[in-house]
Amino acid sequence: MHAVKAIVEDGSVTLQEPLNIEGRVEAILVILDPEPWDAIDRDARPRPALAKASRQALDEFLHGQTAPLDPDAMT
């Protein structure tokens, strides 16, 4: 399997780097949503599980059971 950067514009795909594959191959194009949280935030449907997880996370934070993420310590 290969992952290659590409641009999709009006349905046409332009590769941003060479594939170095000869002949014809089948491929699957995965489009990454650049702002997935925007769609989630704009969706007005109730999300009880998300609301429960949010309340739990806030409660844990308020009771000192969590700490802010340290990007320098993430691997």
PDB file of N, CA and C in Angstrom:
ATOM      1  N   MET A   1       0.847  -1.169   0.000  1.00  0.00           N
ATOM      2  CA  MET A   1       0.000   0.000   0.000  1.00  0.00           C
ATOM      3  C   MET A   1       0.894   1.232   0.000  1.00  0.00           C
ATOM      4  N   HIS A   2       0.455   2.250  -0.716  1.00  0.00           N
ATOM      5  CA  HIS A   2       1.186   3.514  -0.796  1.00  0.00           C
ATOM      6  C   HIS A   2       0.248   4.649  -0.406  1.00  0.00           C
ATOM      7  N   ALA A   3       0.766   5.644   0.260  1.00  0.00           N
ATOM      8  CA  ALA A   3       0.023   6.867   0.546  1.00  0.00           C
ATOM      9  C   ALA A   3       0.721   7.998  -0.198  1.00  0.00           C
ATOM     10  N   VAL A   4      -0.037   8.723  -0.995  1.00  0.00           N
ATOM     11  CA  VAL A   4       0.522   9.790  -1.808  1.00  0.00           C
ATOM     12  C   VAL A   4      -0.368  11.020  -1.675  1.00  0.00           C
ATOM     13  N   LYS A   5       0.240  12.177  -1.492  1.00  0.00           N
ATOM     14  CA  LYS A   5      -0.527  13.412  -1.448  1.00  0.00           C
ATOM     15  C   LYS A   5      -1.074  13.723  -2.841  1.00  0.00           C
ATOM     16  N   ALA A   6      -2.307  14.234  -2.853  1.00  0.00           N
ATOM     17  CA  ALA A   6      -2.938  14.588  -4.120  1.00  0.00           C
ATOM     18  C   ALA A   6      -3.897  15.743  -3.882  1.00  0.00           C
ATOM     19  N   ILE A   7      -4.255  16.397  -4.967  1.00  0.00           N
ATOM     20  CA  ILE A   7      -5.255  17.462  -4.923  1.00  0.00           C
ATOM     21  C   ILE A   7      -6.415  17.031  -5.807  1.00  0.00           C
ATOM     22  N   VAL A   8      -7.631  17.154  -5.275  1.00  0.00           N
ATOM     23  CA  VAL A   8      -8.830  16.865  -6.054  1.00  0.00           C
ATOM     24  C   VAL A   8      -9.516  18.191  -6.321  1.00  0.00           C
ATOM     25  N   GLU A   9      -9.676  18.501  -7.583  1.00  0.00           N
ATOM     26  CA  GLU A   9     -10.321  19.759  -7.963  1.00  0.00           C
ATOM     27  C   GLU A   9     -11.333  19.473  -9.052  1.00  0.00           C
ATOM     28  N   ASP A  10     -12.592  19.760  -8.765  1.00  0.00           N
ATOM     29  CA  ASP A  10     -13.682  19.510  -9.709  1.00  0.00           C
ATOM     30  C   ASP A  10     -13.680  18.068 -10.217  1.00  0.00           C
ATOM     31  N   GLY A  11     -13.367  17.126  -9.318  1.00  0.00           N
ATOM     32  CA  GLY A  11     -13.407  15.714  -9.675  1.00  0.00           C
ATOM     33  C   GLY A  11     -12.155  15.170 -10.330  1.00  0.00           C
ATOM     34  N   SER A  12     -11.192  16.020 -10.635  1.00  0.00           N
ATOM     35  CA  SER A  12      -9.935  15.555 -11.233  1.00  0.00           C
ATOM     36  C   SER A  12      -8.868  15.446 -10.148  1.00  0.00           C
ATOM     37  N   VAL A  13      -8.060  14.388 -10.224  1.00  0.00           N
ATOM     38  CA  VAL A  13      -7.032  14.136  -9.220  1.00  0.00           C
ATOM     39  C   VAL A  13      -5.665  14.442  -9.800  1.00  0.00           C
ATOM     40  N   THR A  14      -4.877  15.240  -9.082  1.00  0.00           N
ATOM     41  CA  THR A  14      -3.503  15.544  -9.459  1.00  0.00           C
ATOM     42  C   THR A  14      -2.604  15.071  -8.329  1.00  0.00           C
ATOM     43  N   LEU A  15      -1.696  14.141  -8.647  1.00  0.00           N
ATOM     44  CA  LEU A  15      -0.771  13.651  -7.632  1.00  0.00           C
ATOM     45  C   LEU A  15       0.274  14.713  -7.323  1.00  0.00           C
ATOM     46  N   GLN A  16       0.652  14.826  -6.072  1.00  0.00           N
ATOM     47  CA  GLN A  16       1.636  15.801  -5.642  1.00  0.00           C
ATOM     48  C   GLN A  16       3.039  15.216  -5.543  1.00  0.00           C
ATOM     49  N   GLU A  17       3.159  13.905  -5.717  1.00  0.00           N
ATOM     50  CA  GLU A  17       4.453  13.238  -5.679  1.00  0.00           C
ATOM     51  C   GLU A  17       4.361  11.986  -6.547  1.00  0.00           C
ATOM     52  N   PRO A  18       5.481  11.500  -7.043  1.00  0.00           N
ATOM     53  CA  PRO A  18       5.439  10.332  -7.932  1.00  0.00           C
ATOM     54  C   PRO A  18       5.083   9.053  -7.173  1.00  0.00           C
ATOM     55  N   LEU A  19       4.396   8.140  -7.873  1.00  0.00           N
ATOM     56  CA  LEU A  19       4.042   6.855  -7.285  1.00  0.00           C
ATOM     57  C   LEU A  19       5.105   5.794  -7.518  1.00  0.00           C
ATOM     58  N   ASN A  20       5.859   5.908  -8.590  1.00  0.00           N
ATOM     59  CA  ASN A  20       6.862   4.917  -8.958  1.00  0.00           C
ATOM     60  C   ASN A  20       6.266   3.520  -9.087  1.00  0.00           C
ATOM     61  N   ILE A  21       5.094   3.435  -9.703  1.00  0.00           N
ATOM     62  CA  ILE A  21       4.424   2.168  -9.976  1.00  0.00           C
ATOM     63  C   ILE A  21       4.199   2.092 -11.485  1.00  0.00           C
ATOM     64  N   GLU A  22       4.594   0.967 -12.060  1.00  0.00           N
ATOM     65  CA  GLU A  22       4.407   0.794 -13.497  1.00  0.00           C
ATOM     66  C   GLU A  22       3.112   0.043 -13.767  1.00  0.00           C
ATOM     67  N   GLY A  23       2.556   0.286 -14.926  1.00  0.00           N
ATOM     68  CA  GLY A  23       1.350  -0.424 -15.324  1.00  0.00           C
ATOM     69  C   GLY A  23       0.108   0.152 -14.665  1.00  0.00           C
ATOM     70  N   ARG A  24      -0.977  -0.585 -14.824  1.00  0.00           N
ATOM     71  CA  ARG A  24      -2.275  -0.149 -14.302  1.00  0.00           C
ATOM     72  C   ARG A  24      -2.511  -0.785 -12.936  1.00  0.00           C
ATOM     73  N   VAL A  25      -2.957   0.017 -11.979  1.00  0.00           N
ATOM     74  CA  VAL A  25      -3.285  -0.477 -10.643  1.00  0.00           C
ATOM     75  C   VAL A  25      -4.618   0.114 -10.211  1.00  0.00           C
ATOM     76  N   GLU A  26      -5.319  -0.614  -9.355  1.00  0.00           N
ATOM     77  CA  GLU A  26      -6.533  -0.075  -8.763  1.00  0.00           C
ATOM     78  C   GLU A  26      -6.144   0.733  -7.539  1.00  0.00           C
ATOM     79  N   ALA A  27      -6.912   1.770  -7.274  1.00  0.00           N
ATOM     80  CA  ALA A  27      -6.601   2.628  -6.127  1.00  0.00           C
ATOM     81  C   ALA A  27      -7.892   3.043  -5.449  1.00  0.00           C
ATOM     82  N   ILE A  28      -7.773   3.381  -4.183  1.00  0.00           N
ATOM     83  CA  ILE A  28      -8.883   3.934  -3.417  1.00  0.00           C
ATOM     84  C   ILE A  28      -8.468   5.334  -2.988  1.00  0.00           C
ATOM     85  N   LEU A  29      -9.297   6.303  -3.275  1.00  0.00           N
ATOM     86  CA  LEU A  29      -9.012   7.677  -2.902  1.00  0.00           C
ATOM     87  C   LEU A  29      -9.785   8.007  -1.629  1.00  0.00           C
ATOM     88  N   VAL A  30      -9.068   8.429  -0.612  1.00  0.00           N
ATOM     89  CA  VAL A  30      -9.682   8.810   0.659  1.00  0.00           C
ATOM     90  C   VAL A  30      -9.577  10.319   0.775  1.00  0.00           C
ATOM     91  N   ILE A  31     -10.714  10.977   0.918  1.00  0.00           N
ATOM     92  CA  ILE A  31     -10.738  12.431   1.050  1.00  0.00           C
ATOM     93  C   ILE A  31     -10.786  12.771   2.537  1.00  0.00           C
ATOM     94  N   LEU A  32      -9.783  13.477   3.018  1.00  0.00           N
ATOM     95  CA  LEU A  32      -9.741  13.893   4.411  1.00  0.00           C
ATOM     96  C   LEU A  32     -10.548  15.165   4.592  1.00  0.00           C
ATOM     97  N   ASP A  33     -11.446  15.165   5.550  1.00  0.00           N
ATOM     98  CA  ASP A  33     -12.224  16.348   5.861  1.00  0.00           C
ATOM     99  C   ASP A  33     -11.326  17.299   6.641  1.00  0.00           C
ATOM    100  N   PRO A  34     -11.006  18.472   6.081  1.00  0.00           N
ATOM    101  CA  PRO A  34     -10.074  19.369   6.765  1.00  0.00           C
ATOM    102  C   PRO A  34     -10.614  19.918   8.079  1.00  0.00           C
ATOM    103  N   GLU A  35     -11.907  20.005   8.231  1.00  0.00           N
ATOM    104  CA  GLU A  35     -12.492  20.557   9.448  1.00  0.00           C
ATOM    105  C   GLU A  35     -13.615  19.660   9.952  1.00  0.00           C
ATOM    106  N   PRO A  36     -13.305  18.443  10.399  1.00  0.00           N
ATOM    107  CA  PRO A  36     -14.399  17.556  10.810  1.00  0.00           C
ATOM    108  C   PRO A  36     -15.181  18.080  12.004  1.00  0.00           C
ATOM    109  N   TRP A  37     -14.533  18.842  12.876  1.00  0.00           N
ATOM    110  CA  TRP A  37     -15.240  19.328  14.059  1.00  0.00           C
ATOM    111  C   TRP A  37     -16.260  20.398  13.709  1.00  0.00           C
ATOM    112  N   ASP A  38     -16.060  21.133  12.612  1.00  0.00           N
ATOM    113  CA  ASP A  38     -17.049  22.135  12.201  1.00  0.00           C
ATOM    114  C   ASP A  38     -18.397  21.476  11.928  1.00  0.00           C
ATOM    115  N   ALA A  39     -18.377  20.369  11.196  1.00  0.00           N
ATOM    116  CA  ALA A  39     -19.625  19.673  10.880  1.00  0.00           C
ATOM    117  C   ALA A  39     -20.274  19.132  12.148  1.00  0.00           C
ATOM    118  N   ILE A  40     -19.474  18.620  13.065  1.00  0.00           N
ATOM    119  CA  ILE A  40     -20.011  18.105  14.323  1.00  0.00           C
ATOM    120  C   ILE A  40     -20.621  19.242  15.136  1.00  0.00           C
ATOM    121  N   ASP A  41     -19.923  20.371  15.205  1.00  0.00           N
ATOM    122  CA  ASP A  41     -20.421  21.515  15.979  1.00  0.00           C
ATOM    123  C   ASP A  41     -21.718  22.075  15.403  1.00  0.00           C
ATOM    124  N   ARG A  42     -21.853  22.078  14.074  1.00  0.00           N
ATOM    125  CA  ARG A  42     -23.037  22.650  13.429  1.00  0.00           C
ATOM    126  C   ARG A  42     -24.233  21.706  13.453  1.00  0.00           C
ATOM    127  N   ASP A  43     -24.005  20.437  13.722  1.00  0.00           N
ATOM    128  CA  ASP A  43     -25.077  19.455  13.730  1.00  0.00           C
ATOM    129  C   ASP A  43     -25.889  19.608  15.011  1.00  0.00           C
ATOM    130  N   ALA A  44     -27.156  19.965  14.881  1.00  0.00           N
ATOM    131  CA  ALA A  44     -28.000  20.273  16.035  1.00  0.00           C
ATOM    132  C   ALA A  44     -28.648  19.028  16.660  1.00  0.00           C
ATOM    133  N   ARG A  45     -28.434  17.859  16.058  1.00  0.00           N
ATOM    134  CA  ARG A  45     -29.045  16.647  16.622  1.00  0.00           C
ATOM    135  C   ARG A  45     -28.497  16.384  18.024  1.00  0.00           C
ATOM    136  N   PRO A  46     -29.358  15.897  18.925  1.00  0.00           N
ATOM    137  CA  PRO A  46     -28.873  15.577  20.274  1.00  0.00           C
ATOM    138  C   PRO A  46     -27.871  14.425  20.236  1.00  0.00           C
ATOM    139  N   ARG A  47     -26.857  14.528  21.062  1.00  0.00           N
ATOM    140  CA  ARG A  47     -25.838  13.486  21.164  1.00  0.00           C
ATOM    141  C   ARG A  47     -25.634  13.181  22.648  1.00  0.00           C
ATOM    142  N   PRO A  48     -26.498  12.333  23.202  1.00  0.00           N
ATOM    143  CA  PRO A  48     -26.423  12.067  24.641  1.00  0.00           C
ATOM    144  C   PRO A  48     -25.081  11.502  25.088  1.00  0.00           C
ATOM    145  N   ALA A  49     -24.489  10.609  24.309  1.00  0.00           N
ATOM    146  CA  ALA A  49     -23.208  10.018  24.714  1.00  0.00           C
ATOM    147  C   ALA A  49     -22.106  11.072  24.729  1.00  0.00           C
ATOM    148  N   LEU A  50     -22.111  11.971  23.732  1.00  0.00           N
ATOM    149  CA  LEU A  50     -21.111  13.031  23.693  1.00  0.00           C
ATOM    150  C   LEU A  50     -21.315  14.006  24.851  1.00  0.00           C
ATOM    151  N   ALA A  51     -22.574  14.351  25.128  1.00  0.00           N
ATOM    152  CA  ALA A  51     -22.863  15.253  26.244  1.00  0.00           C
ATOM    153  C   ALA A  51     -22.416  14.630  27.565  1.00  0.00           C
ATOM    154  N   LYS A  52     -22.675  13.327  27.749  1.00  0.00           N
ATOM    155  CA  LYS A  52     -22.266  12.637  28.975  1.00  0.00           C
ATOM    156  C   LYS A  52     -20.740  12.625  29.101  1.00  0.00           C
ATOM    157  N   ALA A  53     -20.034  12.312  28.009  1.00  0.00           N
ATOM    158  CA  ALA A  53     -18.569  12.283  28.042  1.00  0.00           C
ATOM    159  C   ALA A  53     -18.011  13.679  28.329  1.00  0.00           C
ATOM    160  N   SER A  54     -18.636  14.709  27.768  1.00  0.00           N
ATOM    161  CA  SER A  54     -18.187  16.085  28.017  1.00  0.00           C
ATOM    162  C   SER A  54     -18.352  16.466  29.479  1.00  0.00           C
ATOM    163  N   ARG A  55     -19.514  16.125  30.049  1.00  0.00           N
ATOM    164  CA  ARG A  55     -19.746  16.426  31.476  1.00  0.00           C
ATOM    165  C   ARG A  55     -18.760  15.673  32.359  1.00  0.00           C
ATOM    166  N   GLN A  56     -18.505  14.423  32.024  1.00  0.00           N
ATOM    167  CA  GLN A  56     -17.571  13.622  32.815  1.00  0.00           C
ATOM    168  C   GLN A  56     -16.154  14.196  32.740  1.00  0.00           C
ATOM    169  N   ALA A  57     -15.734  14.586  31.535  1.00  0.00           N
ATOM    170  CA  ALA A  57     -14.397  15.160  31.369  1.00  0.00           C
ATOM    171  C   ALA A  57     -14.273  16.467  32.151  1.00  0.00           C
ATOM    172  N   LEU A  58     -15.299  17.308  32.085  1.00  0.00           N
ATOM    173  CA  LEU A  58     -15.272  18.570  32.823  1.00  0.00           C
ATOM    174  C   LEU A  58     -15.241  18.302  34.329  1.00  0.00           C
ATOM    175  N   ASP A  59     -16.047  17.352  34.798  1.00  0.00           N
ATOM    176  CA  ASP A  59     -16.075  17.015  36.219  1.00  0.00           C
ATOM    177  C   ASP A  59     -14.705  16.517  36.687  1.00  0.00           C
ATOM    178  N   GLU A  60     -14.081  15.646  35.898  1.00  0.00           N
ATOM    179  CA  GLU A  60     -12.745  15.145  36.255  1.00  0.00           C
ATOM    180  C   GLU A  60     -11.728  16.277  36.304  1.00  0.00           C
ATOM    181  N   PHE A  61     -11.818  17.197  35.356  1.00  0.00           N
ATOM    182  CA  PHE A  61     -10.899  18.341  35.337  1.00  0.00           C
ATOM    183  C   PHE A  61     -11.111  19.231  36.568  1.00  0.00           C
ATOM    184  N   LEU A  62     -12.376  19.511  36.871  1.00  0.00           N
ATOM    185  CA  LEU A  62     -12.678  20.380  38.007  1.00  0.00           C
ATOM    186  C   LEU A  62     -12.251  19.760  39.340  1.00  0.00           C
ATOM    187  N   HIS A  63     -12.184  18.436  39.399  1.00  0.00           N
ATOM    188  CA  HIS A  63     -11.763  17.752  40.623  1.00  0.00           C
ATOM    189  C   HIS A  63     -10.275  17.403  40.608  1.00  0.00           C
ATOM    190  N   GLY A  64      -9.529  17.984  39.664  1.00  0.00           N
ATOM    191  CA  GLY A  64      -8.084  17.788  39.620  1.00  0.00           C
ATOM    192  C   GLY A  64      -7.652  16.385  39.227  1.00  0.00           C
ATOM    193  N   GLN A  65      -8.521  15.654  38.550  1.00  0.00           N
ATOM    194  CA  GLN A  65      -8.202  14.278  38.172  1.00  0.00           C
ATOM    195  C   GLN A  65      -7.534  14.186  36.801  1.00  0.00           C
ATOM    196  N   THR A  66      -7.389  15.301  36.129  1.00  0.00           N
ATOM    197  CA  THR A  66      -6.728  15.324  34.824  1.00  0.00           C
ATOM    198  C   THR A  66      -5.731  16.463  34.790  1.00  0.00           C
ATOM    199  N   ALA A  67      -4.897  16.454  33.779  1.00  0.00           N
ATOM    200  CA  ALA A  67      -3.923  17.534  33.591  1.00  0.00           C
ATOM    201  C   ALA A  67      -3.921  17.925  32.113  1.00  0.00           C
ATOM    202  N   PRO A  68      -3.585  19.165  31.818  1.00  0.00           N
ATOM    203  CA  PRO A  68      -3.504  19.577  30.423  1.00  0.00           C
ATOM    204  C   PRO A  68      -2.472  18.732  29.660  1.00  0.00           C
ATOM    205  N   LEU A  69      -2.708  18.505  28.372  1.00  0.00           N
ATOM    206  CA  LEU A  69      -1.749  17.778  27.551  1.00  0.00           C
ATOM    207  C   LEU A  69      -0.480  18.575  27.374  1.00  0.00           C
ATOM    208  N   ASP A  70       0.637  17.916  27.440  1.00  0.00           N
ATOM    209  CA  ASP A  70       1.951  18.527  27.208  1.00  0.00           C
ATOM    210  C   ASP A  70       2.451  18.063  25.851  1.00  0.00           C
ATOM    211  N   PRO A  71       2.397  18.908  24.816  1.00  0.00           N
ATOM    212  CA  PRO A  71       2.809  18.483  23.484  1.00  0.00           C
ATOM    213  C   PRO A  71       4.265  17.997  23.441  1.00  0.00           C
ATOM    214  N   ASP A  72       5.118  18.521  24.309  1.00  0.00           N
ATOM    215  CA  ASP A  72       6.514  18.102  24.319  1.00  0.00           C
ATOM    216  C   ASP A  72       6.688  16.675  24.856  1.00  0.00           C
ATOM    217  N   ALA A  73       5.727  16.209  25.645  1.00  0.00           N
ATOM    218  CA  ALA A  73       5.817  14.875  26.218  1.00  0.00           C
ATOM    219  C   ALA A  73       5.100  13.826  25.379  1.00  0.00           C
ATOM    220  N   MET A  74       4.414  14.249  24.313  1.00  0.00           N
ATOM    221  CA  MET A  74       3.663  13.309  23.476  1.00  0.00           C
ATOM    222  C   MET A  74       4.595  12.637  22.465  1.00  0.00           C
ATOM    223  N   THR A  75       4.467  11.334  22.347  1.00  0.00           N
ATOM    224  CA  THR A  75       5.266  10.600  21.359  1.00  0.00           C
ATOM    225  C   THR A  75       4.393   9.727  20.511  1.00  0.00           C
TER     226      THR A  75
END
